[in-house]
Amino acid sequence: MMKGGTGMNNIVNLLPAGKENAVPAKYLVGVTGVSSKRELNHRIRAERLNGALILSTKANGGGYYRPKNRQEIQEFVDSYKGEAIATFAMMKTARDVLKVTEGQEALNFDEEGDTEND
């Protein structure tokens, strides 16, 4: 795959510009020949890591697109930044539990999944 996603078989080349023109994953699965949405996500991730600017949205059923302006790029960055912050917060909770020496403290979870030790 070429840097920036310029190869003819790349997903980025199938995408229109503009969030309002986002292409649903289901459609992309069909036209790319991948076997599942999961495989599509792996291909999109690989293209992104190789420099392709593929944006996504959850609005209006969701989909993938190329940016038409800087504002769309900023909105995408802000969205992923929020998800990353939430993910790292969840990881911190798990790490904090792992820091406790095994057997030192029993974890008792209530029905909501919170520890009763809190």
C-alpha atoms as a PDB file:
ATOM      1  CA  MET A   1       0.000   0.000   0.000  1.00  0.00           C
ATOM      2  CA  MET A   2       1.317   3.420  -0.865  1.00  0.00           C
ATOM      3  CA  LYS A   3       1.708   6.270   1.624  1.00  0.00           C
ATOM      4  CA  GLY A   4      -1.402   8.415   1.819  1.00  0.00           C
ATOM      5  CA  GLY A   5      -3.663   5.745   0.387  1.00  0.00           C
ATOM      6  CA  THR A   6      -3.113   6.463  -3.287  1.00  0.00           C
ATOM      7  CA  GLY A   7      -3.276   2.845  -4.526  1.00  0.00           C
ATOM      8  CA  MET A   8      -6.257   1.985  -6.737  1.00  0.00           C
ATOM      9  CA  ASN A   9      -7.566  -0.728  -4.366  1.00  0.00           C
ATOM     10  CA  ASN A  10      -7.563   1.503  -1.325  1.00  0.00           C
ATOM     11  CA  ILE A  11     -10.787   2.329   0.460  1.00  0.00           C
ATOM     12  CA  VAL A  12      -9.897   6.020   0.586  1.00  0.00           C
ATOM     13  CA  ASN A  13     -10.339   6.142  -3.193  1.00  0.00           C
ATOM     14  CA  LEU A  14     -13.951   4.988  -2.863  1.00  0.00           C
ATOM     15  CA  LEU A  15     -14.913   7.781  -0.497  1.00  0.00           C
ATOM     16  CA  PRO A  16     -16.535  11.070  -1.410  1.00  0.00           C
ATOM     17  CA  ALA A  17     -15.556  14.361   0.188  1.00  0.00           C
ATOM     18  CA  GLY A  18     -17.786  15.761   2.894  1.00  0.00           C
ATOM     19  CA  LYS A  19     -19.385  14.430   6.037  1.00  0.00           C
ATOM     20  CA  GLU A  20     -22.836  14.781   4.468  1.00  0.00           C
ATOM     21  CA  ASN A  21     -21.750  12.256   1.810  1.00  0.00           C
ATOM     22  CA  ALA A  22     -20.412   9.633   4.237  1.00  0.00           C
ATOM     23  CA  VAL A  23     -20.576   6.091   2.851  1.00  0.00           C
ATOM     24  CA  PRO A  24     -22.056   3.441   5.183  1.00  0.00           C
ATOM     25  CA  ALA A  25     -19.825   0.559   6.238  1.00  0.00           C
ATOM     26  CA  LYS A  26     -22.357  -1.953   4.921  1.00  0.00           C
ATOM     27  CA  TYR A  27     -21.987  -0.512   1.415  1.00  0.00           C
ATOM     28  CA  LEU A  28     -18.186  -0.534   1.648  1.00  0.00           C
ATOM     29  CA  VAL A  29     -18.198  -4.172   2.759  1.00  0.00           C
ATOM     30  CA  GLY A  30     -20.105  -5.002  -0.427  1.00  0.00           C
ATOM     31  CA  VAL A  31     -17.973  -3.054  -2.888  1.00  0.00           C
ATOM     32  CA  THR A  32     -14.590  -3.935  -1.397  1.00  0.00           C
ATOM     33  CA  GLY A  33     -15.183  -7.665  -1.161  1.00  0.00           C
ATOM     34  CA  VAL A  34     -14.155  -7.895   2.489  1.00  0.00           C
ATOM     35  CA  SER A  35     -15.987 -10.551   4.448  1.00  0.00           C
ATOM     36  CA  SER A  36     -17.236  -8.422   7.342  1.00  0.00           C
ATOM     37  CA  LYS A  37     -17.449  -4.968   8.900  1.00  0.00           C
ATOM     38  CA  ARG A  38     -14.669  -6.060  11.238  1.00  0.00           C
ATOM     39  CA  GLU A  39     -12.357  -6.763   8.298  1.00  0.00           C
ATOM     40  CA  LEU A  40     -13.352  -3.424   6.759  1.00  0.00           C
ATOM     41  CA  ASN A  41     -12.412  -1.682  10.027  1.00  0.00           C
ATOM     42  CA  HIS A  42      -9.009  -3.404   9.963  1.00  0.00           C
ATOM     43  CA  ARG A  43      -8.380  -2.243   6.385  1.00  0.00           C
ATOM     44  CA  ILE A  44      -9.444   1.311   7.186  1.00  0.00           C
ATOM     45  CA  ARG A  45      -7.198   1.330  10.258  1.00  0.00           C
ATOM     46  CA  ALA A  46      -4.264   0.104   8.160  1.00  0.00           C
ATOM     47  CA  GLU A  47      -4.844   2.812   5.555  1.00  0.00           C
ATOM     48  CA  ARG A  48      -5.112   5.477   8.258  1.00  0.00           C
ATOM     49  CA  LEU A  49      -1.867   4.302   9.836  1.00  0.00           C
ATOM     50  CA  ASN A  50      -0.266   4.472   6.416  1.00  0.00           C
ATOM     51  CA  GLY A  51      -1.273   8.122   6.007  1.00  0.00           C
ATOM     52  CA  ALA A  52      -4.724   8.028   4.389  1.00  0.00           C
ATOM     53  CA  LEU A  53      -7.056  10.697   5.741  1.00  0.00           C
ATOM     54  CA  ILE A  54     -10.242   8.692   6.206  1.00  0.00           C
ATOM     55  CA  LEU A  55     -12.779  10.308   8.502  1.00  0.00           C
ATOM     56  CA  SER A  56     -15.856   8.725  10.026  1.00  0.00           C
ATOM     57  CA  THR A  57     -19.092   9.880  11.539  1.00  0.00           C
ATOM     58  CA  LYS A  58     -21.838   8.295  13.621  1.00  0.00           C
ATOM     59  CA  ALA A  59     -24.393  10.886  12.487  1.00  0.00           C
ATOM     60  CA  ASN A  60     -27.217   9.894  10.143  1.00  0.00           C
ATOM     61  CA  GLY A  61     -26.460   6.196  10.311  1.00  0.00           C
ATOM     62  CA  GLY A  62     -22.694   6.685  10.191  1.00  0.00           C
ATOM     63  CA  GLY A  63     -20.138   6.202   7.494  1.00  0.00           C
ATOM     64  CA  TYR A  64     -16.729   7.057   6.107  1.00  0.00           C
ATOM     65  CA  TYR A  65     -15.636  10.026   4.023  1.00  0.00           C
ATOM     66  CA  ARG A  66     -12.729  12.233   2.998  1.00  0.00           C
ATOM     67  CA  PRO A  67     -12.669  15.713   4.513  1.00  0.00           C
ATOM     68  CA  LYS A  68     -13.836  18.639   2.433  1.00  0.00           C
ATOM     69  CA  ASN A  69     -12.362  21.258   4.779  1.00  0.00           C
ATOM     70  CA  ARG A  70     -10.338  21.814   7.947  1.00  0.00           C
ATOM     71  CA  GLN A  71     -13.482  22.055  10.096  1.00  0.00           C
ATOM     72  CA  GLU A  72     -14.394  18.429   9.300  1.00  0.00           C
ATOM     73  CA  ILE A  73     -10.888  17.323  10.231  1.00  0.00           C
ATOM     74  CA  GLN A  74     -11.072  19.236  13.520  1.00  0.00           C
ATOM     75  CA  GLU A  75     -14.471  17.731  14.383  1.00  0.00           C
ATOM     76  CA  PHE A  76     -13.080  14.252  13.708  1.00  0.00           C
ATOM     77  CA  VAL A  77     -10.022  14.912  15.873  1.00  0.00           C
ATOM     78  CA  ASP A  78     -12.180  16.272  18.698  1.00  0.00           C
ATOM     79  CA  SER A  79     -14.451  13.228  18.528  1.00  0.00           C
ATOM     80  CA  TYR A  80     -11.581  10.745  18.676  1.00  0.00           C
ATOM     81  CA  LYS A  81      -9.874  12.760  21.404  1.00  0.00           C
ATOM     82  CA  GLY A  82     -12.974  12.397  23.566  1.00  0.00           C
ATOM     83  CA  GLU A  83     -13.083   8.645  22.941  1.00  0.00           C
ATOM     84  CA  ALA A  84      -9.371   8.333  23.719  1.00  0.00           C
ATOM     85  CA  ILE A  85      -9.756  10.194  27.023  1.00  0.00           C
ATOM     86  CA  ALA A  86     -12.637   7.911  28.025  1.00  0.00           C
ATOM     87  CA  THR A  87     -10.659   4.812  27.027  1.00  0.00           C
ATOM     88  CA  PHE A  88      -7.617   5.881  29.041  1.00  0.00           C
ATOM     89  CA  ALA A  89      -9.828   6.586  32.074  1.00  0.00           C
ATOM     90  CA  MET A  90     -11.220   3.030  31.874  1.00  0.00           C
ATOM     91  CA  MET A  91      -7.696   1.635  31.501  1.00  0.00           C
ATOM     92  CA  LYS A  92      -6.572   3.582  34.571  1.00  0.00           C
ATOM     93  CA  THR A  93      -9.290   1.942  36.648  1.00  0.00           C
ATOM     94  CA  ALA A  94      -8.170  -1.510  35.503  1.00  0.00           C
ATOM     95  CA  ARG A  95      -4.498  -0.661  36.090  1.00  0.00           C
ATOM     96  CA  ASP A  96      -5.269   0.570  39.598  1.00  0.00           C
ATOM     97  CA  VAL A  97      -6.865  -2.789  40.395  1.00  0.00           C
ATOM     98  CA  LEU A  98      -3.842  -4.607  38.964  1.00  0.00           C
ATOM     99  CA  LYS A  99      -1.501  -2.565  41.160  1.00  0.00           C
ATOM    100  CA  VAL A 100      -3.038  -4.110  44.255  1.00  0.00           C
ATOM    101  CA  THR A 101      -0.986  -7.138  45.224  1.00  0.00           C
ATOM    102  CA  GLU A 102      -2.816 -10.314  44.315  1.00  0.00           C
ATOM    103  CA  GLY A 103      -4.657 -11.697  47.312  1.00  0.00           C
ATOM    104  CA  GLN A 104      -4.170  -8.457  49.263  1.00  0.00           C
ATOM    105  CA  GLU A 105      -7.709  -7.288  48.734  1.00  0.00           C
ATOM    106  CA  ALA A 106     -10.796  -9.132  47.621  1.00  0.00           C
ATOM    107  CA  LEU A 107     -12.832  -7.325  44.989  1.00  0.00           C
ATOM    108  CA  ASN A 108     -16.546  -7.447  45.554  1.00  0.00           C
ATOM    109  CA  PHE A 109     -18.637  -6.050  42.705  1.00  0.00           C
ATOM    110  CA  ASP A 110     -22.202  -4.807  43.148  1.00  0.00           C
ATOM    111  CA  GLU A 111     -24.917  -5.171  40.495  1.00  0.00           C
ATOM    112  CA  GLU A 112     -23.734  -2.072  38.604  1.00  0.00           C
ATOM    113  CA  GLY A 113     -20.200  -3.436  38.329  1.00  0.00           C
ATOM    114  CA  ASP A 114     -18.790  -1.026  40.901  1.00  0.00           C
ATOM    115  CA  THR A 115     -16.569  -2.350  43.631  1.00  0.00           C
ATOM    116  CA  GLU A 116     -18.208  -2.411  47.021  1.00  0.00           C
ATOM    117  CA  ASN A 117     -14.839  -1.318  48.433  1.00  0.00           C
ATOM    118  CA  ASP A 118     -15.339   2.201  46.980  1.00  0.00           C
END
